[in-house]
C-alpha cells in the first residue's frame, strides 16, 4: 500500500515539475529529471518488492 501511494505522489510531482508554464520555462530539465530519476528508482523497487 505504501509503495502505491509513494509512486502516485512521485508521478504527481513529476507532472508538476514539467516546464510547461511561462514562469518555469527557465528551469530547464533539472526538476523533471531529478524527480523522474527518483520515480524510476522507486518504481523499480516497488516492482521487485523492496518498498
PDB file of N, CA and C in Angstrom:
ATOM      1  N   UNK A   1       0.832  -1.198   0.000  1.00  0.00           N
ATOM      2  CA  UNK A   1       0.000   0.000   0.000  1.00  0.00           C
ATOM      3  C   UNK A   1       0.874   1.258   0.000  1.00  0.00           C
ATOM      4  N   UNK A   2       1.935   1.233   0.778  1.00  0.00           N
ATOM      5  CA  UNK A   2       2.812   2.389   0.854  1.00  0.00           C
ATOM      6  C   UNK A   2       3.495   2.658  -0.478  1.00  0.00           C
ATOM      7  N   UNK A   3       3.870   1.602  -1.174  1.00  0.00           N
ATOM      8  CA  UNK A   3       4.558   1.792  -2.457  1.00  0.00           C
ATOM      9  C   UNK A   3       3.638   2.410  -3.497  1.00  0.00           C
ATOM     10  N   UNK A   4       2.370   2.051  -3.482  1.00  0.00           N
ATOM     11  CA  UNK A   4       1.419   2.636  -4.439  1.00  0.00           C
ATOM     12  C   UNK A   4       1.247   4.126  -4.167  1.00  0.00           C
ATOM     13  N   UNK A   5       1.125   4.492  -2.917  1.00  0.00           N
ATOM     14  CA  UNK A   5       0.977   5.898  -2.547  1.00  0.00           C
ATOM     15  C   UNK A   5       2.238   6.679  -2.927  1.00  0.00           C
ATOM     16  N   UNK A   6       3.399   6.097  -2.674  1.00  0.00           N
ATOM     17  CA  UNK A   6       4.659   6.755  -3.000  1.00  0.00           C
ATOM     18  C   UNK A   6       4.808   6.946  -4.504  1.00  0.00           C
ATOM     19  N   UNK A   7       4.451   5.961  -5.289  1.00  0.00           N
ATOM     20  CA  UNK A   7       4.528   6.066  -6.745  1.00  0.00           C
ATOM     21  C   UNK A   7       3.563   7.127  -7.261  1.00  0.00           C
ATOM     22  N   UNK A   8       2.369   7.198  -6.718  1.00  0.00           N
ATOM     23  CA  UNK A   8       1.388   8.198  -7.147  1.00  0.00           C
ATOM     24  C   UNK A   8       1.868   9.605  -6.805  1.00  0.00           C
ATOM     25  N   UNK A   9       2.419   9.789  -5.614  1.00  0.00           N
ATOM     26  CA  UNK A   9       2.928  11.105  -5.218  1.00  0.00           C
ATOM     27  C   UNK A   9       4.082  11.533  -6.117  1.00  0.00           C
ATOM     28  N   UNK A  10       5.002  10.608  -6.392  1.00  0.00           N
ATOM     29  CA  UNK A  10       6.129  10.949  -7.259  1.00  0.00           C
ATOM     30  C   UNK A  10       5.680  11.234  -8.689  1.00  0.00           C
ATOM     31  N   UNK A  11       4.671  10.526  -9.166  1.00  0.00           N
ATOM     32  CA  UNK A  11       4.140  10.795 -10.500  1.00  0.00           C
ATOM     33  C   UNK A  11       3.512  12.177 -10.567  1.00  0.00           C
ATOM     34  N   UNK A  12       2.792  12.568  -9.528  1.00  0.00           N
ATOM     35  CA  UNK A  12       2.200  13.906  -9.487  1.00  0.00           C
ATOM     36  C   UNK A  12       3.286  14.985  -9.430  1.00  0.00           C
ATOM     37  N   UNK A  13       4.359  14.737  -8.679  1.00  0.00           N
ATOM     38  CA  UNK A  13       5.471  15.688  -8.634  1.00  0.00           C
ATOM     39  C   UNK A  13       6.164  15.797  -9.983  1.00  0.00           C
ATOM     40  N   UNK A  14       6.286  14.677 -10.674  1.00  0.00           N
ATOM     41  CA  UNK A  14       6.919  14.689 -11.993  1.00  0.00           C
ATOM     42  C   UNK A  14       6.101  15.498 -12.983  1.00  0.00           C
ATOM     43  N   UNK A  15       4.798  15.335 -12.972  1.00  0.00           N
ATOM     44  CA  UNK A  15       3.935  16.107 -13.862  1.00  0.00           C
ATOM     45  C   UNK A  15       3.981  17.590 -13.495  1.00  0.00           C
ATOM     46  N   UNK A  16       4.013  17.896 -12.213  1.00  0.00           N
ATOM     47  CA  UNK A  16       4.068  19.288 -11.769  1.00  0.00           C
ATOM     48  C   UNK A  16       5.391  19.965 -12.055  1.00  0.00           C
ATOM     49  N   UNK A  17       6.464  19.201 -12.226  1.00  0.00           N
ATOM     50  CA  UNK A  17       7.780  19.785 -12.450  1.00  0.00           C
ATOM     51  C   UNK A  17       8.091  20.007 -13.924  1.00  0.00           C
ATOM     52  N   UNK A  18       7.232  19.591 -14.802  1.00  0.00           N
ATOM     53  CA  UNK A  18       7.487  19.792 -16.230  1.00  0.00           C
ATOM     54  C   UNK A  18       7.452  21.288 -16.562  1.00  0.00           C
ATOM     55  N   UNK A  19       8.408  21.772 -17.339  1.00  0.00           N
ATOM     56  CA  UNK A  19       8.472  23.214 -17.641  1.00  0.00           C
ATOM     57  C   UNK A  19       7.510  23.615 -18.757  1.00  0.00           C
ATOM     58  N   UNK A  20       6.219  23.618 -18.464  1.00  0.00           N
ATOM     59  CA  UNK A  20       5.225  23.954 -19.485  1.00  0.00           C
ATOM     60  C   UNK A  20       4.604  25.327 -19.275  1.00  0.00           C
ATOM     61  N   UNK A  21       4.796  25.918 -18.110  1.00  0.00           N
ATOM     62  CA  UNK A  21       4.221  27.220 -17.844  1.00  0.00           C
ATOM     63  C   UNK A  21       5.276  28.300 -18.064  1.00  0.00           C
ATOM     64  N   UNK A  22       4.875  29.511 -18.372  1.00  0.00           N
ATOM     65  CA  UNK A  22       5.848  30.565 -18.680  1.00  0.00           C
ATOM     66  C   UNK A  22       6.849  30.838 -17.551  1.00  0.00           C
ATOM     67  N   UNK A  23       6.417  30.790 -16.309  1.00  0.00           N
ATOM     68  CA  UNK A  23       7.327  31.105 -15.211  1.00  0.00           C
ATOM     69  C   UNK A  23       8.353  30.002 -14.984  1.00  0.00           C
ATOM     70  N   UNK A  24       8.105  28.795 -15.481  1.00  0.00           N
ATOM     71  CA  UNK A  24       9.044  27.703 -15.270  1.00  0.00           C
ATOM     72  C   UNK A  24       9.843  27.355 -16.521  1.00  0.00           C
ATOM     73  N   UNK A  25       9.788  28.189 -17.531  1.00  0.00           N
ATOM     74  CA  UNK A  25      10.499  27.904 -18.781  1.00  0.00           C
ATOM     75  C   UNK A  25      12.012  27.969 -18.596  1.00  0.00           C
ATOM     76  N   UNK A  26      12.486  28.752 -17.634  1.00  0.00           N
ATOM     77  CA  UNK A  26      13.923  28.879 -17.410  1.00  0.00           C
ATOM     78  C   UNK A  26      14.490  27.786 -16.505  1.00  0.00           C
ATOM     79  N   UNK A  27      13.645  26.918 -15.975  1.00  0.00           N
ATOM     80  CA  UNK A  27      14.114  25.873 -15.082  1.00  0.00           C
ATOM     81  C   UNK A  27      14.919  24.811 -15.822  1.00  0.00           C
ATOM     82  N   UNK A  28      14.611  24.593 -17.080  1.00  0.00           N
ATOM     83  CA  UNK A  28      15.278  23.533 -17.833  1.00  0.00           C
ATOM     84  C   UNK A  28      14.736  22.169 -17.447  1.00  0.00           C
ATOM     85  N   UNK A  29      15.575  21.172 -17.561  1.00  0.00           N
ATOM     86  CA  UNK A  29      15.135  19.801 -17.290  1.00  0.00           C
ATOM     87  C   UNK A  29      15.480  19.324 -15.886  1.00  0.00           C
ATOM     88  N   UNK A  30      16.086  20.165 -15.070  1.00  0.00           N
ATOM     89  CA  UNK A  30      16.542  19.736 -13.754  1.00  0.00           C
ATOM     90  C   UNK A  30      15.417  19.210 -12.854  1.00  0.00           C
ATOM     91  N   UNK A  31      14.336  19.934 -12.616  1.00  0.00           N
ATOM     92  CA  UNK A  31      13.319  19.397 -11.703  1.00  0.00           C
ATOM     93  C   UNK A  31      12.679  18.112 -12.222  1.00  0.00           C
ATOM     94  N   UNK A  32      12.344  18.097 -13.486  1.00  0.00           N
ATOM     95  CA  UNK A  32      11.722  16.896 -14.055  1.00  0.00           C
ATOM     96  C   UNK A  32      12.679  15.730 -14.118  1.00  0.00           C
ATOM     97  N   UNK A  33      13.938  16.005 -14.387  1.00  0.00           N
ATOM     98  CA  UNK A  33      14.933  14.938 -14.466  1.00  0.00           C
ATOM     99  C   UNK A  33      15.225  14.306 -13.125  1.00  0.00           C
ATOM    100  N   UNK A  34      15.337  15.136 -12.104  1.00  0.00           N
ATOM    101  CA  UNK A  34      15.610  14.621 -10.758  1.00  0.00           C
ATOM    102  C   UNK A  34      14.429  13.819 -10.247  1.00  0.00           C
ATOM    103  N   UNK A  35      13.242  14.371 -10.379  1.00  0.00           N
ATOM    104  CA  UNK A  35      12.053  13.664  -9.907  1.00  0.00           C
ATOM    105  C   UNK A  35      11.803  12.422 -10.758  1.00  0.00           C
ATOM    106  N   UNK A  36      12.090  12.502 -12.053  1.00  0.00           N
ATOM    107  CA  UNK A  36      11.936  11.332 -12.920  1.00  0.00           C
ATOM    108  C   UNK A  36      12.877  10.207 -12.527  1.00  0.00           C
ATOM    109  N   UNK A  37      14.109  10.549 -12.165  1.00  0.00           N
ATOM    110  CA  UNK A  37      15.055   9.528 -11.718  1.00  0.00           C
ATOM    111  C   UNK A  37      14.602   8.886 -10.408  1.00  0.00           C
ATOM    112  N   UNK A  38      14.141   9.703  -9.484  1.00  0.00           N
ATOM    113  CA  UNK A  38      13.623   9.168  -8.219  1.00  0.00           C
ATOM    114  C   UNK A  38      12.411   8.292  -8.477  1.00  0.00           C
ATOM    115  N   UNK A  39      11.530   8.724  -9.388  1.00  0.00           N
ATOM    116  CA  UNK A  39      10.346   7.945  -9.735  1.00  0.00           C
ATOM    117  C   UNK A  39      10.743   6.596 -10.316  1.00  0.00           C
ATOM    118  N   UNK A  40      11.715   6.578 -11.207  1.00  0.00           N
ATOM    119  CA  UNK A  40      12.152   5.321 -11.823  1.00  0.00           C
ATOM    120  C   UNK A  40      12.732   4.376 -10.774  1.00  0.00           C
ATOM    121  N   UNK A  41      13.534   4.908  -9.849  1.00  0.00           N
ATOM    122  CA  UNK A  41      14.128   4.076  -8.802  1.00  0.00           C
ATOM    123  C   UNK A  41      13.051   3.495  -7.896  1.00  0.00           C
ATOM    124  N   UNK A  42      12.113   4.332  -7.468  1.00  0.00           N
ATOM    125  CA  UNK A  42      11.044   3.862  -6.582  1.00  0.00           C
ATOM    126  C   UNK A  42      10.148   2.870  -7.308  1.00  0.00           C
ATOM    127  N   UNK A  43       9.878   3.098  -8.579  1.00  0.00           N
ATOM    128  CA  UNK A  43       9.040   2.174  -9.334  1.00  0.00           C
ATOM    129  C   UNK A  43       9.710   0.807  -9.461  1.00  0.00           C
ATOM    130  N   UNK A  44      10.987   0.777  -9.758  1.00  0.00           N
ATOM    131  CA  UNK A  44      11.705  -0.489  -9.845  1.00  0.00           C
ATOM    132  C   UNK A  44      11.729  -1.188  -8.487  1.00  0.00           C
ATOM    133  N   UNK A  45      11.972  -0.426  -7.430  1.00  0.00           N
ATOM    134  CA  UNK A  45      11.984  -1.020  -6.092  1.00  0.00           C
ATOM    135  C   UNK A  45      10.611  -1.556  -5.712  1.00  0.00           C
ATOM    136  N   UNK A  46       9.551  -0.864  -6.136  1.00  0.00           N
ATOM    137  CA  UNK A  46       8.200  -1.340  -5.839  1.00  0.00           C
ATOM    138  C   UNK A  46       7.892  -2.612  -6.616  1.00  0.00           C
ATOM    139  N   UNK A  47       8.381  -2.697  -7.841  1.00  0.00           N
ATOM    140  CA  UNK A  47       8.127  -3.890  -8.648  1.00  0.00           C
ATOM    141  C   UNK A  47       8.867  -5.119  -8.133  1.00  0.00           C
ATOM    142  N   UNK A  48      10.044  -4.923  -7.563  1.00  0.00           N
ATOM    143  CA  UNK A  48      10.770  -6.072  -7.037  1.00  0.00           C
ATOM    144  C   UNK A  48      10.454  -6.340  -5.556  1.00  0.00           C
ATOM    145  N   UNK A  49       9.633  -5.495  -4.962  1.00  0.00           N
ATOM    146  CA  UNK A  49       9.147  -5.738  -3.599  1.00  0.00           C
ATOM    147  C   UNK A  49      10.033  -5.211  -2.504  1.00  0.00           C
ATOM    148  N   UNK A  50      10.852  -4.225  -2.756  1.00  0.00           N
ATOM    149  CA  UNK A  50      11.740  -3.668  -1.733  1.00  0.00           C
ATOM    150  C   UNK A  50      11.134  -2.506  -0.971  1.00  0.00           C
ATOM    151  N   UNK A  51      10.051  -1.922  -1.453  1.00  0.00           N
ATOM    152  CA  UNK A  51       9.443  -0.776  -0.780  1.00  0.00           C
ATOM    153  C   UNK A  51       8.204  -1.236  -0.048  1.00  0.00           C
TER     154      UNK A  51
END
